[in-house]
Protein backbone atom coordinates (compact mmCIF):
# COMPACT_ATOMS: atom_id res chain seq x y z
CA MET A 1 -74.00 -17.64 -10.33
CA SER A 2 -70.83 -18.45 -11.23
CA ASN A 3 -69.62 -21.99 -12.72
CA PRO A 4 -68.04 -24.48 -9.96
CA ARG A 5 -65.83 -26.33 -12.58
CA ARG A 6 -64.76 -22.73 -13.70
CA SER A 7 -63.94 -22.11 -10.69
CA ALA A 8 -61.85 -24.77 -9.94
CA SER A 9 -59.86 -24.52 -12.81
CA SER A 10 -59.03 -21.10 -12.63
CA GLN A 11 -58.28 -21.77 -9.03
CA TYR A 12 -55.47 -24.05 -10.05
CA SER A 13 -54.55 -22.07 -12.96
CA PRO A 14 -50.51 -21.75 -14.66
CA GLY A 15 -50.89 -17.91 -14.27
CA PRO A 16 -48.02 -15.88 -15.93
CA LEU A 17 -44.66 -17.74 -17.07
CA ASP A 18 -42.72 -14.96 -14.89
CA GLN A 19 -44.14 -16.30 -11.51
CA PRO A 20 -43.69 -19.66 -10.03
CA ARG A 21 -46.74 -22.19 -9.46
CA GLU A 22 -47.97 -22.81 -6.13
CA LYS A 23 -47.38 -25.70 -4.22
CA ARG A 24 -50.41 -28.04 -4.18
CA PRO A 25 -51.24 -28.74 -0.55
CA GLY A 26 -50.70 -32.82 0.04
CA TYR A 27 -52.40 -35.40 1.72
CA LEU A 28 -49.95 -36.49 3.56
CA THR A 29 -47.19 -34.38 4.75
CA ARG A 30 -43.91 -35.46 3.92
CA PHE A 31 -41.18 -36.66 6.71
CA ARG A 32 -38.31 -34.57 6.08
CA PRO A 33 -35.82 -35.02 9.37
CA ASN A 34 -33.33 -32.31 10.08
CA PRO A 35 -30.40 -32.85 7.59
CA ASP A 36 -28.00 -31.77 10.05
CA ALA A 37 -28.87 -33.66 13.28
CA PHE A 38 -29.01 -36.68 10.78
CA GLY A 39 -25.60 -36.36 9.29
CA ARG A 40 -24.46 -35.90 12.59
CA LEU A 41 -25.93 -39.07 13.75
CA THR A 42 -24.54 -40.96 10.90
CA GLU A 43 -21.46 -39.68 11.29
CA SER A 44 -20.99 -40.81 15.07
CA PHE A 45 -22.01 -43.74 13.77
CA ALA A 46 -19.39 -44.30 11.19
CA ARG A 47 -17.07 -43.43 13.76
CA TRP A 48 -18.32 -45.40 15.72
CA MET A 49 -17.95 -48.78 13.56
CA GLY A 50 -14.39 -47.81 12.45
CA THR A 51 -13.38 -48.50 15.91
CA PRO A 52 -11.51 -51.45 17.13
CA GLN A 53 -14.42 -51.49 20.34
CA PHE A 54 -17.13 -51.85 17.66
CA LEU A 55 -15.16 -54.96 15.97
CA LEU A 56 -14.47 -56.55 19.39
CA TRP A 57 -18.30 -56.04 20.56
CA MET A 58 -19.12 -57.57 17.39
CA THR A 59 -16.87 -60.67 17.99
CA VAL A 60 -18.25 -61.45 20.67
CA PHE A 61 -21.99 -60.98 19.83
CA VAL A 62 -21.25 -63.57 17.39
CA THR A 63 -19.30 -65.41 19.07
CA VAL A 64 -21.84 -65.92 22.01
CA TRP A 65 -24.65 -66.21 19.17
CA LEU A 66 -22.78 -69.10 17.66
CA ALA A 67 -21.69 -70.82 20.89
CA TRP A 68 -25.27 -70.60 22.42
CA ASN A 69 -27.44 -72.24 18.95
CA THR A 70 -24.87 -74.66 19.07
CA LEU A 71 -23.91 -76.23 22.25
CA ALA A 72 -27.21 -75.39 23.73
CA PRO A 73 -30.05 -77.95 23.87
CA GLU A 74 -32.15 -77.60 20.70
CA SER A 75 -35.15 -77.00 22.44
CA MET A 76 -33.58 -73.58 23.96
CA GLN A 77 -31.76 -72.84 20.32
CA PHE A 78 -33.78 -69.94 18.57
CA ASP A 79 -31.41 -70.09 15.37
CA PRO A 80 -30.35 -73.89 15.05
CA ARG A 81 -27.50 -74.66 13.53
CA ALA A 82 -29.48 -77.08 11.10
CA LEU A 83 -30.70 -73.58 9.48
CA ASN A 84 -27.17 -72.83 9.02
CA PHE A 85 -27.79 -69.95 11.43
CA THR A 86 -30.70 -68.33 9.04
CA LEU A 87 -31.42 -65.44 11.90
CA LEU A 88 -27.79 -64.38 12.15
CA THR A 89 -27.06 -64.01 8.29
CA LEU A 90 -30.55 -62.14 7.95
CA MET A 91 -29.09 -59.60 10.80
CA LEU A 92 -25.82 -59.27 9.60
CA SER A 93 -27.23 -58.64 5.80
CA LEU A 94 -29.48 -56.25 7.16
CA GLN A 95 -26.62 -54.43 9.48
CA ALA A 96 -24.23 -54.18 6.12
CA SER A 97 -27.10 -53.01 3.97
CA TYR A 98 -27.91 -50.10 6.42
CA ALA A 99 -24.62 -49.46 7.20
CA ALA A 100 -23.14 -48.78 3.45
CA PRO A 101 -25.63 -45.84 3.56
CA LEU A 102 -24.63 -44.44 6.72
CA LEU A 103 -20.97 -44.46 5.82
CA LEU A 104 -21.79 -43.15 2.49
CA LEU A 105 -23.86 -39.83 3.67
CA ALA A 106 -20.91 -39.29 6.71
CA GLN A 107 -18.49 -39.59 3.90
CA ASN A 108 -20.93 -36.71 1.95
CA ARG A 109 -20.96 -35.08 4.67
CA GLN A 110 -17.28 -34.90 5.22
CA ASP A 111 -16.84 -34.67 1.36
CA ASP A 112 -18.94 -31.00 2.09
CA ARG A 113 -16.68 -29.86 4.60
CA ASP A 114 -13.59 -30.33 3.21
CA ARG A 115 -14.91 -28.61 -0.09
CA VAL A 116 -15.96 -26.00 1.82
CA VAL A 117 -12.69 -25.57 3.70
CA ALA A 118 -10.71 -25.95 0.63
CA GLU A 119 -12.75 -22.56 -0.93
CA GLU A 120 -12.08 -21.08 2.41
CA ASP A 121 -7.90 -21.91 2.08
CA ARG A 122 -8.64 -20.33 -1.56
CA LYS A 123 -10.02 -17.40 -0.29
CA ARG A 124 -7.51 -17.11 2.16
CA GLY A 125 -4.48 -17.60 -0.21
CA GLN A 126 -6.06 -14.98 -2.68
CA GLN A 127 -6.17 -13.05 0.06
CA ASN A 128 -2.81 -13.38 1.53
CA LEU A 129 -1.55 -12.93 -1.85
CA ALA A 130 -3.21 -9.96 -2.51
CA ASP A 131 -1.58 -8.84 0.87
CA THR A 132 1.82 -9.73 -0.50
CA GLU A 133 1.63 -7.79 -3.81
CA TYR A 134 0.02 -4.66 -1.89
CA LEU A 135 3.35 -4.88 0.75
CA THR A 136 5.56 -5.62 -1.95
CA ARG A 137 4.23 -2.49 -3.99
CA GLU A 138 4.27 -0.32 -0.79
CA ILE A 139 7.79 -2.03 -0.04
CA ALA A 140 8.88 -0.73 -3.92
CA SER A 141 7.47 2.60 -3.47
CA LEU A 142 9.10 3.39 0.12
CA ARG A 143 12.10 2.29 -1.43
CA ILE A 144 12.13 4.66 -4.35
CA ALA A 145 11.22 7.81 -1.87
CA LEU A 146 14.43 6.37 0.19
CA ARG A 147 16.51 7.31 -2.79
CA GLU A 148 15.77 10.58 -2.65
CA VAL A 149 16.08 11.02 0.74
CA ALA A 150 19.09 11.94 3.07
CA THR A 151 20.11 9.37 5.32
CA ARG A 152 22.21 9.85 8.51
CA ASP A 153 25.16 8.01 6.72
CA TYR A 154 24.66 10.34 3.78
CA VAL A 155 24.68 13.07 6.27
CA ARG A 156 27.46 12.46 7.85
CA SER A 157 29.62 12.12 4.78
CA GLU A 158 28.70 15.61 3.27
CA LEU A 159 29.12 17.15 6.87
CA ARG A 160 32.94 15.21 6.81
CA GLY A 161 33.40 16.67 3.64
CA LEU A 162 32.23 20.11 3.93
CA LEU A 163 34.28 20.14 7.27
CA GLU A 164 37.75 18.96 5.37
CA GLU A 165 36.80 21.41 2.89
CA ILE A 166 36.92 24.37 5.42
CA LEU A 167 40.07 22.97 7.28
CA GLU A 168 41.64 23.04 3.46
CA ASP A 169 40.40 26.80 3.03
CA GLN A 170 41.73 27.97 6.08
CA ASP A 171 45.20 25.76 5.78
CA ARG A 172 45.32 27.23 2.29
CA ARG A 173 44.28 31.25 3.66
CA ALA A 174 47.44 30.70 6.93
CA ALA A 175 49.78 29.70 4.08
CA ASP A 176 48.94 32.48 1.57
CA GLN A 177 49.37 35.20 4.89
CA ALA A 178 52.34 33.80 6.09
CA ALA A 179 53.93 33.75 2.24
CA ALA A 180 51.73 37.61 2.27
CA ARG A 181 53.82 38.21 5.30
CA SER A 182 57.49 36.72 4.52
CA GLN A 183 57.50 38.43 0.95
CA ALA A 184 56.72 41.92 2.74
CA THR A 185 59.19 41.53 5.44
CA LYS A 186 61.52 40.50 1.84
CA SER A 187 61.08 43.84 0.19
CA LYS A 188 60.71 45.79 3.68
CA THR A 189 64.79 44.78 4.12
CA LYS A 190 65.44 45.16 0.65
CA LYS A 191 64.14 48.59 1.09
CA SER A 192 65.80 49.70 3.94
CA GLU A 193 69.06 47.85 2.42
CA GLY A 194 69.11 49.97 -0.98
CA LYS A 195 68.69 53.04 1.20
CA LYS A 196 71.89 51.95 3.32
CA SER A 197 73.89 51.54 0.09
CA ASP A 198 72.61 54.88 -1.13
CA GLY A 199 73.65 57.07 1.70
CA SER A 200 76.87 55.82 1.68
CA THR A 201 78.01 56.19 -2.29
CA LYS A 202 77.03 60.09 -2.01
CA ALA A 203 79.13 62.73 -0.52
CA PRO A 204 77.55 65.06 1.47
CA ARG A 205 76.59 68.30 -0.20
CA PRO A 206 78.82 71.33 1.12
CA LYS A 207 76.74 74.05 3.26
CA LYS A 208 76.37 77.35 1.50
CA ILE A 209 78.41 80.12 3.32
CA GLU A 210 76.13 83.56 3.61
CA PRO A 211 78.19 86.77 3.81
CA GLU A 212 77.79 88.71 6.92
CA ASP A 213 76.05 91.78 6.36
CA PRO A 214 78.77 94.41 7.42
CA GLU A 215 78.40 96.71 9.77
CA PRO A 216 77.43 100.38 9.34
CA GLU A 217 80.30 102.81 9.52
CA GLY A 218 80.44 106.08 11.30
CA PRO A 219 81.11 109.35 10.47
CA ARG A 220 84.29 110.11 9.98
CA GLN A 221 86.67 113.01 12.34
């Protein structure tokens, strides 16, 4: 038979160190309120305590309390003036003692919310910075690429330059052709004038008279 003491000790043995120890069941269940619901309650209470309505109603309550326990008959007073309003002092102290932790809980919740918002803002800022750097690099690469691409103004200027060169070439060719034609006409006129001058200076050559053939003589009688 197994030893009950040994079985009980083995049941709660620590086991290997790389594994967490199992939680022992408690005799009484711990009261754990929902932190979100309790936090919303504390925030609503803290917000209400910071409103003018709370101050107004608190002033009315204290005034009525003091008036009743001062002006009412002693048999109807529940917090007499002779005892320096002990019950009212106890109530205000109790309210202050509960209000301070509630305000601290609301402040801690607000700090956690601010921390989350700040973290989100930081992540958003980093993302915006990364996007800005990416866009800057893309714009720089586009500018570098556009330097090698012919723009509309560049094409227009090049076409205008080519057109001017073609027109100048045509004008040059027309001028050369006109000069050649004038030179040809001048040379022709010079040649014709030279031929005329040569014909007027030279005498005409005499024509050779060829002797006529004698007629054959007939037989003499």
